[in-house]
């Protein structure tokens, strides 16, 4: 069986093995056991970087975790030494590893991850912010538009009075713009706008995803941008 999947995270198991946590096009979130991937002569450990799209040849065992028999990389062009892009990849993979844990097959999510990667590799350095909004939208958690000025991150409604200091009129307007946009990846945010929207989006995620924690690479993202 061949699984096409994005690598979200992995856990080293013993000296040479690893458990790969992936989002596959056929089954959604799924984990696989990669025996010997850390063996000294195994060059495939270089494939273990965030959001690498892989072809995993796996066993047919459906009761327990599937074993990886062979691993291939789909697109070698997505290797990058760009510090900014790598920081975003680590941030997004950590984010997705949390919010997609219970997600079954969802080709819309898979396609959105592909689109995000294309935007990122085309030097769109706010693509991770748009992806955060798109995740909410595909989960039915996006704000409900109204004529009121201030977004309430807990209810997802716009209200007449500011209820959270990170959701002033300027940031609330950005949320409205994203909600209305046909192609949100084309929206241009200022440097300050990116920082403020990221802070607001993390608050929104805390309210709407149980047990959500800030990605470990958040501080790196803030320092770089």
C-alpha atoms as a PDB file:
ATOM      1  CA  UNK A   1       0.000   0.000   0.000  1.00  0.00           C
ATOM      2  CA  UNK A   2       1.290   3.476  -0.890  1.00  0.00           C
ATOM      3  CA  UNK A   3       0.329   6.464   1.246  1.00  0.00           C
ATOM      4  CA  UNK A   4       0.884  10.029   0.044  1.00  0.00           C
ATOM      5  CA  UNK A   5       1.327  12.165   3.138  1.00  0.00           C
ATOM      6  CA  UNK A   6       2.768  15.315   4.682  1.00  0.00           C
ATOM      7  CA  UNK A   7       5.112  14.707   7.609  1.00  0.00           C
ATOM      8  CA  UNK A   8       3.892  16.702  10.630  1.00  0.00           C
ATOM      9  CA  UNK A   9       6.223  15.375  13.314  1.00  0.00           C
ATOM     10  CA  UNK A  10       8.194  12.319  14.323  1.00  0.00           C
ATOM     11  CA  UNK A  11       9.360  10.652  17.516  1.00  0.00           C
ATOM     12  CA  UNK A  12      12.622   8.743  17.680  1.00  0.00           C
ATOM     13  CA  UNK A  13      12.133   5.204  18.999  1.00  0.00           C
ATOM     14  CA  UNK A  14      15.268   3.522  20.301  1.00  0.00           C
ATOM     15  CA  UNK A  15      18.519   4.143  18.467  1.00  0.00           C
ATOM     16  CA  UNK A  16      17.463   3.538  14.863  1.00  0.00           C
ATOM     17  CA  UNK A  17      13.662   3.673  14.573  1.00  0.00           C
ATOM     18  CA  UNK A  18      11.029   6.423  14.538  1.00  0.00           C
ATOM     19  CA  UNK A  19       7.266   6.920  14.622  1.00  0.00           C
ATOM     20  CA  UNK A  20       6.144   9.306  11.881  1.00  0.00           C
ATOM     21  CA  UNK A  21       3.021  11.401  12.465  1.00  0.00           C
ATOM     22  CA  UNK A  22       1.565  12.362   9.105  1.00  0.00           C
ATOM     23  CA  UNK A  23      -1.473  13.777   7.356  1.00  0.00           C
ATOM     24  CA  UNK A  24      -2.242  11.493   4.433  1.00  0.00           C
ATOM     25  CA  UNK A  25      -4.417  12.209   1.442  1.00  0.00           C
ATOM     26  CA  UNK A  26      -6.404   8.985   1.933  1.00  0.00           C
ATOM     27  CA  UNK A  27      -6.752   8.609   5.704  1.00  0.00           C
ATOM     28  CA  UNK A  28      -6.095  12.003   7.295  1.00  0.00           C
ATOM     29  CA  UNK A  29      -3.972  11.970  10.455  1.00  0.00           C
ATOM     30  CA  UNK A  30      -2.085   8.703  10.770  1.00  0.00           C
ATOM     31  CA  UNK A  31       1.121   7.412  12.364  1.00  0.00           C
ATOM     32  CA  UNK A  32       3.625   5.005  10.834  1.00  0.00           C
ATOM     33  CA  UNK A  33       6.568   3.026  12.197  1.00  0.00           C
ATOM     34  CA  UNK A  34       9.802   3.603  10.271  1.00  0.00           C
ATOM     35  CA  UNK A  35      12.216   0.839  11.272  1.00  0.00           C
ATOM     36  CA  UNK A  36      15.904   1.596  10.815  1.00  0.00           C
ATOM     37  CA  UNK A  37      15.466   5.129   9.509  1.00  0.00           C
ATOM     38  CA  UNK A  38      18.184   6.344  11.898  1.00  0.00           C
ATOM     39  CA  UNK A  39      20.560   3.519  11.020  1.00  0.00           C
ATOM     40  CA  UNK A  40      24.030   4.918  10.131  1.00  0.00           C
ATOM     41  CA  UNK A  41      23.810   4.027   6.451  1.00  0.00           C
ATOM     42  CA  UNK A  42      20.172   5.033   5.939  1.00  0.00           C
ATOM     43  CA  UNK A  43      20.127   8.270   3.949  1.00  0.00           C
ATOM     44  CA  UNK A  44      16.335   8.531   4.169  1.00  0.00           C
ATOM     45  CA  UNK A  45      16.546  10.217   7.585  1.00  0.00           C
ATOM     46  CA  UNK A  46      17.242  13.386   5.566  1.00  0.00           C
ATOM     47  CA  UNK A  47      13.564  13.222   4.537  1.00  0.00           C
ATOM     48  CA  UNK A  48      12.465  13.911   8.106  1.00  0.00           C
ATOM     49  CA  UNK A  49      11.856  17.622   7.882  1.00  0.00           C
ATOM     50  CA  UNK A  50       8.573  19.460   8.546  1.00  0.00           C
ATOM     51  CA  UNK A  51       5.824  19.183   5.929  1.00  0.00           C
ATOM     52  CA  UNK A  52       7.931  17.132   3.559  1.00  0.00           C
ATOM     53  CA  UNK A  53       5.503  15.373   1.211  1.00  0.00           C
ATOM     54  CA  UNK A  54       6.283  11.677   1.107  1.00  0.00           C
ATOM     55  CA  UNK A  55       5.244   8.485  -0.597  1.00  0.00           C
ATOM     56  CA  UNK A  56       5.162   5.839   2.128  1.00  0.00           C
ATOM     57  CA  UNK A  57       5.055   2.202   1.034  1.00  0.00           C
ATOM     58  CA  UNK A  58       3.465   0.531   4.046  1.00  0.00           C
ATOM     59  CA  UNK A  59       2.333  -2.838   5.335  1.00  0.00           C
ATOM     60  CA  UNK A  60      -1.340  -3.816   5.150  1.00  0.00           C
ATOM     61  CA  UNK A  61      -1.713  -4.171   8.932  1.00  0.00           C
ATOM     62  CA  UNK A  62      -4.797  -2.150   9.878  1.00  0.00           C
ATOM     63  CA  UNK A  63      -5.089  -3.171  13.550  1.00  0.00           C
ATOM     64  CA  UNK A  64      -1.835  -1.621  14.694  1.00  0.00           C
ATOM     65  CA  UNK A  65       0.474   1.070  13.415  1.00  0.00           C
ATOM     66  CA  UNK A  66       1.557   0.428   9.821  1.00  0.00           C
ATOM     67  CA  UNK A  67       5.200  -0.328   9.111  1.00  0.00           C
ATOM     68  CA  UNK A  68       6.999   1.747   6.496  1.00  0.00           C
ATOM     69  CA  UNK A  69       8.602  -0.576   3.963  1.00  0.00           C
ATOM     70  CA  UNK A  70       9.943   2.137   1.667  1.00  0.00           C
ATOM     71  CA  UNK A  71       9.982   5.922   1.785  1.00  0.00           C
ATOM     72  CA  UNK A  72      10.264   8.354  -1.125  1.00  0.00           C
ATOM     73  CA  UNK A  73      10.144  12.126  -1.387  1.00  0.00           C
ATOM     74  CA  UNK A  74       7.617  13.616  -3.784  1.00  0.00           C
ATOM     75  CA  UNK A  75       9.233  16.968  -4.520  1.00  0.00           C
ATOM     76  CA  UNK A  76      12.956  17.492  -4.010  1.00  0.00           C
ATOM     77  CA  UNK A  77      12.565  21.162  -4.984  1.00  0.00           C
ATOM     78  CA  UNK A  78      11.027  21.861  -1.576  1.00  0.00           C
ATOM     79  CA  UNK A  79      14.319  21.379   0.246  1.00  0.00           C
ATOM     80  CA  UNK A  80      15.288  24.829   1.507  1.00  0.00           C
ATOM     81  CA  UNK A  81      18.131  26.397   3.441  1.00  0.00           C
ATOM     82  CA  UNK A  82      16.213  29.661   3.898  1.00  0.00           C
ATOM     83  CA  UNK A  83      16.068  30.389   7.640  1.00  0.00           C
ATOM     84  CA  UNK A  84      12.732  32.221   7.388  1.00  0.00           C
ATOM     85  CA  UNK A  85      11.069  29.459   5.395  1.00  0.00           C
ATOM     86  CA  UNK A  86      12.390  26.751   7.703  1.00  0.00           C
ATOM     87  CA  UNK A  87      11.111  28.633  10.746  1.00  0.00           C
ATOM     88  CA  UNK A  88       7.653  28.864   9.164  1.00  0.00           C
ATOM     89  CA  UNK A  89       7.696  25.160   8.250  1.00  0.00           C
ATOM     90  CA  UNK A  90       8.502  24.179  11.851  1.00  0.00           C
ATOM     91  CA  UNK A  91       5.801  26.516  13.157  1.00  0.00           C
ATOM     92  CA  UNK A  92       3.089  25.275  10.775  1.00  0.00           C
ATOM     93  CA  UNK A  93       3.926  21.585  11.184  1.00  0.00           C
ATOM     94  CA  UNK A  94       3.666  21.939  14.973  1.00  0.00           C
ATOM     95  CA  UNK A  95       0.363  23.778  14.589  1.00  0.00           C
ATOM     96  CA  UNK A  96      -1.083  21.169  12.214  1.00  0.00           C
ATOM     97  CA  UNK A  97       0.175  18.325  14.369  1.00  0.00           C
ATOM     98  CA  UNK A  98      -2.122  19.651  17.083  1.00  0.00           C
ATOM     99  CA  UNK A  99      -5.249  20.702  15.214  1.00  0.00           C
ATOM    100  CA  UNK A 100      -5.392  17.783  12.747  1.00  0.00           C
ATOM    101  CA  UNK A 101      -4.938  15.001  15.319  1.00  0.00           C
ATOM    102  CA  UNK A 102      -8.560  13.894  15.053  1.00  0.00           C
ATOM    103  CA  UNK A 103      -9.032  14.716  11.383  1.00  0.00           C
ATOM    104  CA  UNK A 104     -10.019  11.837   9.086  1.00  0.00           C
ATOM    105  CA  UNK A 105      -9.676  11.952   5.300  1.00  0.00           C
ATOM    106  CA  UNK A 106     -10.041  15.537   4.151  1.00  0.00           C
ATOM    107  CA  UNK A 107      -8.736  16.370   0.707  1.00  0.00           C
ATOM    108  CA  UNK A 108      -9.588  20.054   1.183  1.00  0.00           C
ATOM    109  CA  UNK A 109      -7.129  20.230   4.063  1.00  0.00           C
ATOM    110  CA  UNK A 110      -4.531  18.354   2.050  1.00  0.00           C
ATOM    111  CA  UNK A 111      -4.950  20.719  -0.897  1.00  0.00           C
ATOM    112  CA  UNK A 112      -4.731  23.751   1.401  1.00  0.00           C
ATOM    113  CA  UNK A 113      -1.416  22.522   2.820  1.00  0.00           C
ATOM    114  CA  UNK A 114      -0.145  22.099  -0.751  1.00  0.00           C
ATOM    115  CA  UNK A 115      -1.260  25.624  -1.625  1.00  0.00           C
ATOM    116  CA  UNK A 116       0.393  27.041   1.493  1.00  0.00           C
ATOM    117  CA  UNK A 117       3.686  25.357   0.563  1.00  0.00           C
ATOM    118  CA  UNK A 118       3.564  26.794  -2.960  1.00  0.00           C
ATOM    119  CA  UNK A 119       2.924  30.260  -1.535  1.00  0.00           C
ATOM    120  CA  UNK A 120       5.756  29.909   0.981  1.00  0.00           C
ATOM    121  CA  UNK A 121       8.248  28.749  -1.619  1.00  0.00           C
ATOM    122  CA  UNK A 122       7.185  31.706  -3.752  1.00  0.00           C
ATOM    123  CA  UNK A 123       8.392  33.958  -0.896  1.00  0.00           C
ATOM    124  CA  UNK A 124       4.981  34.723   0.578  1.00  0.00           C
ATOM    125  CA  UNK A 125       6.130  35.226   4.166  1.00  0.00           C
ATOM    126  CA  UNK A 126       2.643  35.711   5.533  1.00  0.00           C
ATOM    127  CA  UNK A 127       1.313  32.454   4.068  1.00  0.00           C
ATOM    128  CA  UNK A 128       1.392  30.778   7.495  1.00  0.00           C
ATOM    129  CA  UNK A 129      -0.969  33.446   8.825  1.00  0.00           C
ATOM    130  CA  UNK A 130      -3.409  32.877   5.993  1.00  0.00           C
ATOM    131  CA  UNK A 131      -3.206  29.115   6.528  1.00  0.00           C
ATOM    132  CA  UNK A 132      -4.169  29.634  10.171  1.00  0.00           C
ATOM    133  CA  UNK A 133      -7.283  31.467   9.028  1.00  0.00           C
ATOM    134  CA  UNK A 134      -8.036  28.828   6.384  1.00  0.00           C
ATOM    135  CA  UNK A 135      -7.846  26.090   9.015  1.00  0.00           C
ATOM    136  CA  UNK A 136     -10.502  27.892  11.029  1.00  0.00           C
ATOM    137  CA  UNK A 137     -12.625  28.380   7.930  1.00  0.00           C
ATOM    138  CA  UNK A 138     -12.495  24.705   6.933  1.00  0.00           C
ATOM    139  CA  UNK A 139     -13.406  23.727  10.491  1.00  0.00           C
ATOM    140  CA  UNK A 140     -16.406  26.085  10.428  1.00  0.00           C
ATOM    141  CA  UNK A 141     -14.803  28.261  13.116  1.00  0.00           C
ATOM    142  CA  UNK A 142     -14.245  31.473  11.141  1.00  0.00           C
ATOM    143  CA  UNK A 143     -15.813  34.702  12.474  1.00  0.00           C
ATOM    144  CA  UNK A 144     -19.399  35.536  11.583  1.00  0.00           C
ATOM    145  CA  UNK A 145     -19.508  38.859   9.784  1.00  0.00           C
ATOM    146  CA  UNK A 146     -21.621  41.790  10.966  1.00  0.00           C
ATOM    147  CA  UNK A 147     -21.511  45.598  10.888  1.00  0.00           C
ATOM    148  CA  UNK A 148     -20.047  45.733  14.405  1.00  0.00           C
ATOM    149  CA  UNK A 149     -16.389  46.723  14.732  1.00  0.00           C
ATOM    150  CA  UNK A 150     -14.701  44.423  17.223  1.00  0.00           C
ATOM    151  CA  UNK A 151     -14.176  40.676  16.959  1.00  0.00           C
ATOM    152  CA  UNK A 152     -14.860  38.674  20.102  1.00  0.00           C
ATOM    153  CA  UNK A 153     -12.389  35.759  19.824  1.00  0.00           C
ATOM    154  CA  UNK A 154     -14.318  33.541  22.205  1.00  0.00           C
ATOM    155  CA  UNK A 155     -17.710  33.781  20.498  1.00  0.00           C
ATOM    156  CA  UNK A 156     -16.454  34.374  16.953  1.00  0.00           C
ATOM    157  CA  UNK A 157     -18.887  37.299  16.606  1.00  0.00           C
ATOM    158  CA  UNK A 158     -18.216  40.962  15.920  1.00  0.00           C
ATOM    159  CA  UNK A 159     -19.491  43.250  18.663  1.00  0.00           C
ATOM    160  CA  UNK A 160     -19.960  46.965  19.255  1.00  0.00           C
ATOM    161  CA  UNK A 161     -17.478  47.121  22.142  1.00  0.00           C
ATOM    162  CA  UNK A 162     -13.884  45.886  22.263  1.00  0.00           C
ATOM    163  CA  UNK A 163     -13.746  42.780  24.481  1.00  0.00           C
ATOM    164  CA  UNK A 164     -10.081  41.751  24.099  1.00  0.00           C
ATOM    165  CA  UNK A 165      -7.063  44.048  23.908  1.00  0.00           C
ATOM    166  CA  UNK A 166      -5.552  42.118  20.953  1.00  0.00           C
ATOM    167  CA  UNK A 167      -8.741  42.569  18.937  1.00  0.00           C
ATOM    168  CA  UNK A 168      -8.886  46.320  18.380  1.00  0.00           C
ATOM    169  CA  UNK A 169     -10.562  47.755  15.292  1.00  0.00           C
ATOM    170  CA  UNK A 170      -7.428  47.443  13.124  1.00  0.00           C
ATOM    171  CA  UNK A 171      -6.963  43.718  13.817  1.00  0.00           C
ATOM    172  CA  UNK A 172     -10.705  43.087  13.640  1.00  0.00           C
ATOM    173  CA  UNK A 173     -10.662  44.695  10.187  1.00  0.00           C
ATOM    174  CA  UNK A 174      -7.940  42.255   9.084  1.00  0.00           C
ATOM    175  CA  UNK A 175     -10.122  39.350  10.211  1.00  0.00           C
ATOM    176  CA  UNK A 176     -13.022  40.824   8.210  1.00  0.00           C
ATOM    177  CA  UNK A 177     -10.796  41.239   5.157  1.00  0.00           C
ATOM    178  CA  UNK A 178      -9.687  37.601   5.343  1.00  0.00           C
ATOM    179  CA  UNK A 179     -13.261  36.431   5.788  1.00  0.00           C
ATOM    180  CA  UNK A 180     -14.387  38.367   2.693  1.00  0.00           C
ATOM    181  CA  UNK A 181     -11.400  37.600   0.462  1.00  0.00           C
ATOM    182  CA  UNK A 182     -11.712  35.351  -2.580  1.00  0.00           C
ATOM    183  CA  UNK A 183      -7.972  34.641  -2.380  1.00  0.00           C
ATOM    184  CA  UNK A 184      -6.702  35.534   1.108  1.00  0.00           C
ATOM    185  CA  UNK A 185      -3.109  34.707   0.106  1.00  0.00           C
ATOM    186  CA  UNK A 186      -3.112  37.909  -1.960  1.00  0.00           C
ATOM    187  CA  UNK A 187      -3.778  40.139   1.051  1.00  0.00           C
ATOM    188  CA  UNK A 188      -0.750  42.220   2.055  1.00  0.00           C
ATOM    189  CA  UNK A 189      -0.129  42.946   5.713  1.00  0.00           C
ATOM    190  CA  UNK A 190       2.374  45.367   7.229  1.00  0.00           C
ATOM    191  CA  UNK A 191       5.127  43.995   9.441  1.00  0.00           C
ATOM    192  CA  UNK A 192       3.264  45.190  12.521  1.00  0.00           C
ATOM    193  CA  UNK A 193       0.010  43.820  11.113  1.00  0.00           C
ATOM    194  CA  UNK A 194       1.590  40.366  10.708  1.00  0.00           C
ATOM    195  CA  UNK A 195       2.810  40.359  14.310  1.00  0.00           C
ATOM    196  CA  UNK A 196      -0.498  41.546  15.697  1.00  0.00           C
ATOM    197  CA  UNK A 197      -2.562  39.162  13.600  1.00  0.00           C
ATOM    198  CA  UNK A 198      -0.388  36.212  14.671  1.00  0.00           C
ATOM    199  CA  UNK A 199      -0.929  37.105  18.336  1.00  0.00           C
ATOM    200  CA  UNK A 200      -4.671  37.426  17.794  1.00  0.00           C
ATOM    201  CA  UNK A 201      -4.885  34.159  15.823  1.00  0.00           C
ATOM    202  CA  UNK A 202      -3.160  32.237  18.617  1.00  0.00           C
ATOM    203  CA  UNK A 203      -5.721  33.607  21.089  1.00  0.00           C
ATOM    204  CA  UNK A 204      -8.522  32.540  18.731  1.00  0.00           C
ATOM    205  CA  UNK A 205      -7.022  29.035  18.470  1.00  0.00           C
ATOM    206  CA  UNK A 206      -6.804  28.782  22.268  1.00  0.00           C
ATOM    207  CA  UNK A 207     -10.529  29.446  22.514  1.00  0.00           C
ATOM    208  CA  UNK A 208     -11.582  27.042  19.774  1.00  0.00           C
ATOM    209  CA  UNK A 209      -9.183  24.055  19.981  1.00  0.00           C
ATOM    210  CA  UNK A 210      -9.188  22.168  23.279  1.00  0.00           C
ATOM    211  CA  UNK A 211      -5.725  21.808  24.782  1.00  0.00           C
ATOM    212  CA  UNK A 212      -4.084  24.030  22.183  1.00  0.00           C
ATOM    213  CA  UNK A 213      -0.574  25.197  23.082  1.00  0.00           C
ATOM    214  CA  UNK A 214       1.662  27.715  21.388  1.00  0.00           C
ATOM    215  CA  UNK A 215       4.033  26.059  18.892  1.00  0.00           C
ATOM    216  CA  UNK A 216       7.575  25.665  20.238  1.00  0.00           C
ATOM    217  CA  UNK A 217       8.986  27.701  17.362  1.00  0.00           C
ATOM    218  CA  UNK A 218       6.791  30.741  18.092  1.00  0.00           C
ATOM    219  CA  UNK A 219       9.615  32.771  19.625  1.00  0.00           C
ATOM    220  CA  UNK A 220      11.835  32.053  16.618  1.00  0.00           C
ATOM    221  CA  UNK A 221       9.077  33.225  14.279  1.00  0.00           C
ATOM    222  CA  UNK A 222       8.707  36.440  16.281  1.00  0.00           C
ATOM    223  CA  UNK A 223      12.456  37.092  16.335  1.00  0.00           C
ATOM    224  CA  UNK A 224      12.874  36.540  12.587  1.00  0.00           C
ATOM    225  CA  UNK A 225       9.859  38.572  11.507  1.00  0.00           C
END
